[in-house]
Amino acid sequence: MDYLASHLSSLRQEIRDLKDLNLLYSQQGEHSSVERTASSERSIRLLEIKRELSDLRDCPPDPKIWWDKVRK
């Protein structure tokens, strides 16, 4: 479970970082193509994290099955 706690902590930090960058982006008036691409990539990453957290929440009761699923 140490791995899981560490992984969740890492995801929480990544979410905070992405939200901070999105806030900065939203406060700017105009955006370059690089900034728009970066914003799009951040949105995609947030969706990936959401899916990953959903998968973790729906883990099977047998830890062996769960760990095999996470490692793939």
N, C-alpha and C. Protein backbone atom coordinates (compact mmCIF):
# COMPACT_ATOMS: atom_id res chain seq x y z
N MET A 1 0.80 -1.20 0.00
CA MET A 1 0.00 0.00 0.00
C MET A 1 0.85 1.27 0.00
N ASP A 2 2.12 1.16 0.36
CA ASP A 2 2.97 2.34 0.32
C ASP A 2 3.06 2.88 -1.09
N TYR A 3 3.11 1.96 -2.07
CA TYR A 3 3.16 2.39 -3.46
C TYR A 3 1.91 3.18 -3.81
N LEU A 4 0.77 2.69 -3.39
CA LEU A 4 -0.50 3.34 -3.71
C LEU A 4 -0.57 4.73 -3.09
N ALA A 5 -0.20 4.86 -1.83
CA ALA A 5 -0.22 6.17 -1.16
C ALA A 5 0.72 7.14 -1.86
N SER A 6 1.89 6.67 -2.22
CA SER A 6 2.86 7.50 -2.92
C SER A 6 2.34 7.92 -4.29
N HIS A 7 1.73 6.97 -4.98
CA HIS A 7 1.20 7.25 -6.32
C HIS A 7 0.06 8.28 -6.25
N LEU A 8 -0.84 8.11 -5.28
CA LEU A 8 -1.93 9.06 -5.12
C LEU A 8 -1.41 10.45 -4.77
N SER A 9 -0.41 10.51 -3.93
CA SER A 9 0.19 11.80 -3.58
C SER A 9 0.80 12.46 -4.81
N SER A 10 1.46 11.67 -5.62
CA SER A 10 2.06 12.18 -6.86
C SER A 10 0.99 12.71 -7.81
N LEU A 11 -0.12 11.99 -7.92
CA LEU A 11 -1.22 12.43 -8.79
C LEU A 11 -1.84 13.72 -8.27
N ARG A 12 -2.01 13.82 -6.95
CA ARG A 12 -2.56 15.05 -6.37
C ARG A 12 -1.67 16.25 -6.69
N GLN A 13 -0.36 16.06 -6.57
CA GLN A 13 0.58 17.15 -6.88
C GLN A 13 0.50 17.52 -8.35
N GLU A 14 0.43 16.53 -9.21
CA GLU A 14 0.34 16.79 -10.64
C GLU A 14 -0.95 17.55 -10.98
N ILE A 15 -2.05 17.19 -10.33
CA ILE A 15 -3.32 17.89 -10.55
C ILE A 15 -3.19 19.35 -10.12
N ARG A 16 -2.58 19.59 -8.96
CA ARG A 16 -2.38 20.98 -8.50
C ARG A 16 -1.54 21.77 -9.50
N ASP A 17 -0.47 21.16 -9.98
CA ASP A 17 0.40 21.84 -10.95
C ASP A 17 -0.36 22.17 -12.24
N LEU A 18 -1.13 21.21 -12.73
CA LEU A 18 -1.89 21.43 -13.96
C LEU A 18 -2.94 22.52 -13.76
N LYS A 19 -3.62 22.52 -12.62
CA LYS A 19 -4.61 23.55 -12.34
C LYS A 19 -3.96 24.93 -12.26
N ASP A 20 -2.79 25.01 -11.62
CA ASP A 20 -2.08 26.29 -11.54
C ASP A 20 -1.72 26.81 -12.93
N LEU A 21 -1.22 25.91 -13.78
CA LEU A 21 -0.87 26.32 -15.15
C LEU A 21 -2.11 26.73 -15.94
N ASN A 22 -3.22 26.02 -15.73
CA ASN A 22 -4.46 26.39 -16.41
C ASN A 22 -4.97 27.75 -15.93
N LEU A 23 -4.80 28.05 -14.66
CA LEU A 23 -5.21 29.35 -14.14
C LEU A 23 -4.39 30.46 -14.78
N LEU A 24 -3.09 30.27 -14.87
CA LEU A 24 -2.23 31.27 -15.53
C LEU A 24 -2.65 31.46 -16.98
N TYR A 25 -2.93 30.36 -17.65
CA TYR A 25 -3.34 30.40 -19.05
C TYR A 25 -4.64 31.20 -19.20
N SER A 26 -5.58 30.96 -18.31
CA SER A 26 -6.89 31.63 -18.41
C SER A 26 -6.78 33.12 -18.12
N GLN A 27 -5.76 33.54 -17.41
CA GLN A 27 -5.59 34.96 -17.07
C GLN A 27 -4.92 35.75 -18.19
N GLN A 28 -4.36 35.06 -19.17
CA GLN A 28 -3.72 35.74 -20.29
C GLN A 28 -4.76 36.12 -21.33
N GLY A 29 -4.49 37.21 -22.03
CA GLY A 29 -5.43 37.67 -23.05
C GLY A 29 -5.33 36.88 -24.34
N GLU A 30 -4.15 36.81 -24.89
CA GLU A 30 -3.94 36.10 -26.15
C GLU A 30 -2.98 34.94 -25.91
N HIS A 31 -3.13 33.91 -26.76
CA HIS A 31 -2.32 32.72 -26.59
C HIS A 31 -1.65 32.35 -27.90
N SER A 32 -0.38 31.99 -27.79
CA SER A 32 0.35 31.50 -28.95
C SER A 32 -0.08 30.06 -29.24
N SER A 33 0.31 29.57 -30.39
CA SER A 33 -0.04 28.19 -30.74
C SER A 33 0.61 27.20 -29.76
N VAL A 34 1.79 27.51 -29.28
CA VAL A 34 2.46 26.64 -28.31
C VAL A 34 1.67 26.61 -27.00
N GLU A 35 1.18 27.77 -26.57
CA GLU A 35 0.39 27.84 -25.34
C GLU A 35 -0.94 27.09 -25.49
N ARG A 36 -1.56 27.21 -26.65
CA ARG A 36 -2.82 26.49 -26.88
C ARG A 36 -2.59 24.98 -26.89
N THR A 37 -1.50 24.57 -27.51
CA THR A 37 -1.16 23.14 -27.53
C THR A 37 -0.89 22.63 -26.11
N ALA A 38 -0.14 23.41 -25.34
CA ALA A 38 0.15 23.02 -23.96
C ALA A 38 -1.13 22.92 -23.14
N SER A 39 -2.05 23.84 -23.35
CA SER A 39 -3.33 23.80 -22.64
C SER A 39 -4.11 22.54 -23.01
N SER A 40 -4.11 22.21 -24.27
CA SER A 40 -4.78 21.00 -24.73
C SER A 40 -4.16 19.75 -24.10
N GLU A 41 -2.84 19.72 -24.05
CA GLU A 41 -2.13 18.59 -23.46
C GLU A 41 -2.45 18.47 -21.97
N ARG A 42 -2.56 19.59 -21.28
CA ARG A 42 -2.92 19.56 -19.86
C ARG A 42 -4.33 19.00 -19.68
N SER A 43 -5.24 19.39 -20.53
CA SER A 43 -6.62 18.87 -20.45
C SER A 43 -6.65 17.37 -20.67
N ILE A 44 -5.88 16.91 -21.63
CA ILE A 44 -5.80 15.48 -21.91
C ILE A 44 -5.22 14.75 -20.70
N ARG A 45 -4.19 15.30 -20.11
CA ARG A 45 -3.56 14.66 -18.95
C ARG A 45 -4.53 14.59 -17.77
N LEU A 46 -5.30 15.66 -17.55
CA LEU A 46 -6.28 15.64 -16.47
C LEU A 46 -7.33 14.54 -16.68
N LEU A 47 -7.74 14.34 -17.92
CA LEU A 47 -8.67 13.25 -18.22
C LEU A 47 -8.03 11.88 -17.98
N GLU A 48 -6.76 11.75 -18.33
CA GLU A 48 -6.05 10.49 -18.09
C GLU A 48 -5.97 10.20 -16.59
N ILE A 49 -5.70 11.23 -15.81
CA ILE A 49 -5.63 11.05 -14.35
C ILE A 49 -7.00 10.65 -13.82
N LYS A 50 -8.04 11.30 -14.32
CA LYS A 50 -9.40 10.96 -13.89
C LYS A 50 -9.71 9.49 -14.17
N ARG A 51 -9.35 9.01 -15.36
CA ARG A 51 -9.57 7.61 -15.71
C ARG A 51 -8.75 6.68 -14.80
N GLU A 52 -7.51 7.07 -14.55
CA GLU A 52 -6.65 6.25 -13.70
C GLU A 52 -7.22 6.16 -12.28
N LEU A 53 -7.69 7.27 -11.74
CA LEU A 53 -8.28 7.26 -10.41
C LEU A 53 -9.55 6.42 -10.38
N SER A 54 -10.31 6.49 -11.44
CA SER A 54 -11.52 5.68 -11.54
C SER A 54 -11.16 4.20 -11.55
N ASP A 55 -10.12 3.85 -12.29
CA ASP A 55 -9.67 2.45 -12.34
C ASP A 55 -9.20 1.97 -10.96
N LEU A 56 -8.51 2.86 -10.24
CA LEU A 56 -8.04 2.49 -8.90
C LEU A 56 -9.22 2.30 -7.95
N ARG A 57 -10.23 3.14 -8.08
CA ARG A 57 -11.41 3.04 -7.22
C ARG A 57 -12.15 1.74 -7.47
N ASP A 58 -12.16 1.28 -8.71
CA ASP A 58 -12.90 0.08 -9.08
C ASP A 58 -12.05 -1.18 -9.00
N CYS A 59 -11.04 -1.16 -8.15
CA CYS A 59 -10.15 -2.33 -8.08
C CYS A 59 -10.89 -3.54 -7.54
N PRO A 60 -10.55 -4.73 -8.02
CA PRO A 60 -11.19 -5.95 -7.55
C PRO A 60 -10.79 -6.25 -6.11
N PRO A 61 -11.59 -7.05 -5.40
CA PRO A 61 -11.30 -7.34 -3.99
C PRO A 61 -10.03 -8.14 -3.78
N ASP A 62 -9.62 -8.93 -4.76
CA ASP A 62 -8.40 -9.73 -4.63
C ASP A 62 -7.20 -8.87 -5.01
N PRO A 63 -6.28 -8.58 -4.05
CA PRO A 63 -5.13 -7.71 -4.33
C PRO A 63 -4.26 -8.21 -5.48
N LYS A 64 -4.13 -9.52 -5.65
CA LYS A 64 -3.30 -10.03 -6.73
C LYS A 64 -3.84 -9.60 -8.09
N ILE A 65 -5.15 -9.67 -8.26
CA ILE A 65 -5.76 -9.23 -9.52
C ILE A 65 -5.53 -7.75 -9.72
N TRP A 66 -5.71 -6.99 -8.64
CA TRP A 66 -5.55 -5.54 -8.73
C TRP A 66 -4.12 -5.17 -9.12
N TRP A 67 -3.12 -5.77 -8.45
CA TRP A 67 -1.74 -5.43 -8.75
C TRP A 67 -1.36 -5.83 -10.17
N ASP A 68 -1.87 -6.97 -10.63
CA ASP A 68 -1.60 -7.39 -12.02
C ASP A 68 -2.17 -6.36 -12.99
N LYS A 69 -3.36 -5.83 -12.67
CA LYS A 69 -4.00 -4.84 -13.51
C LYS A 69 -3.20 -3.53 -13.54
N VAL A 70 -2.70 -3.10 -12.38
CA VAL A 70 -1.95 -1.85 -12.29
C VAL A 70 -0.62 -1.94 -13.01
N ARG A 71 0.02 -3.08 -12.94
CA ARG A 71 1.35 -3.23 -13.55
C ARG A 71 1.32 -3.27 -15.07
N LYS A 72 0.16 -3.55 -15.67
CA LYS A 72 0.07 -3.65 -17.14
C LYS A 72 0.04 -2.32 -17.79
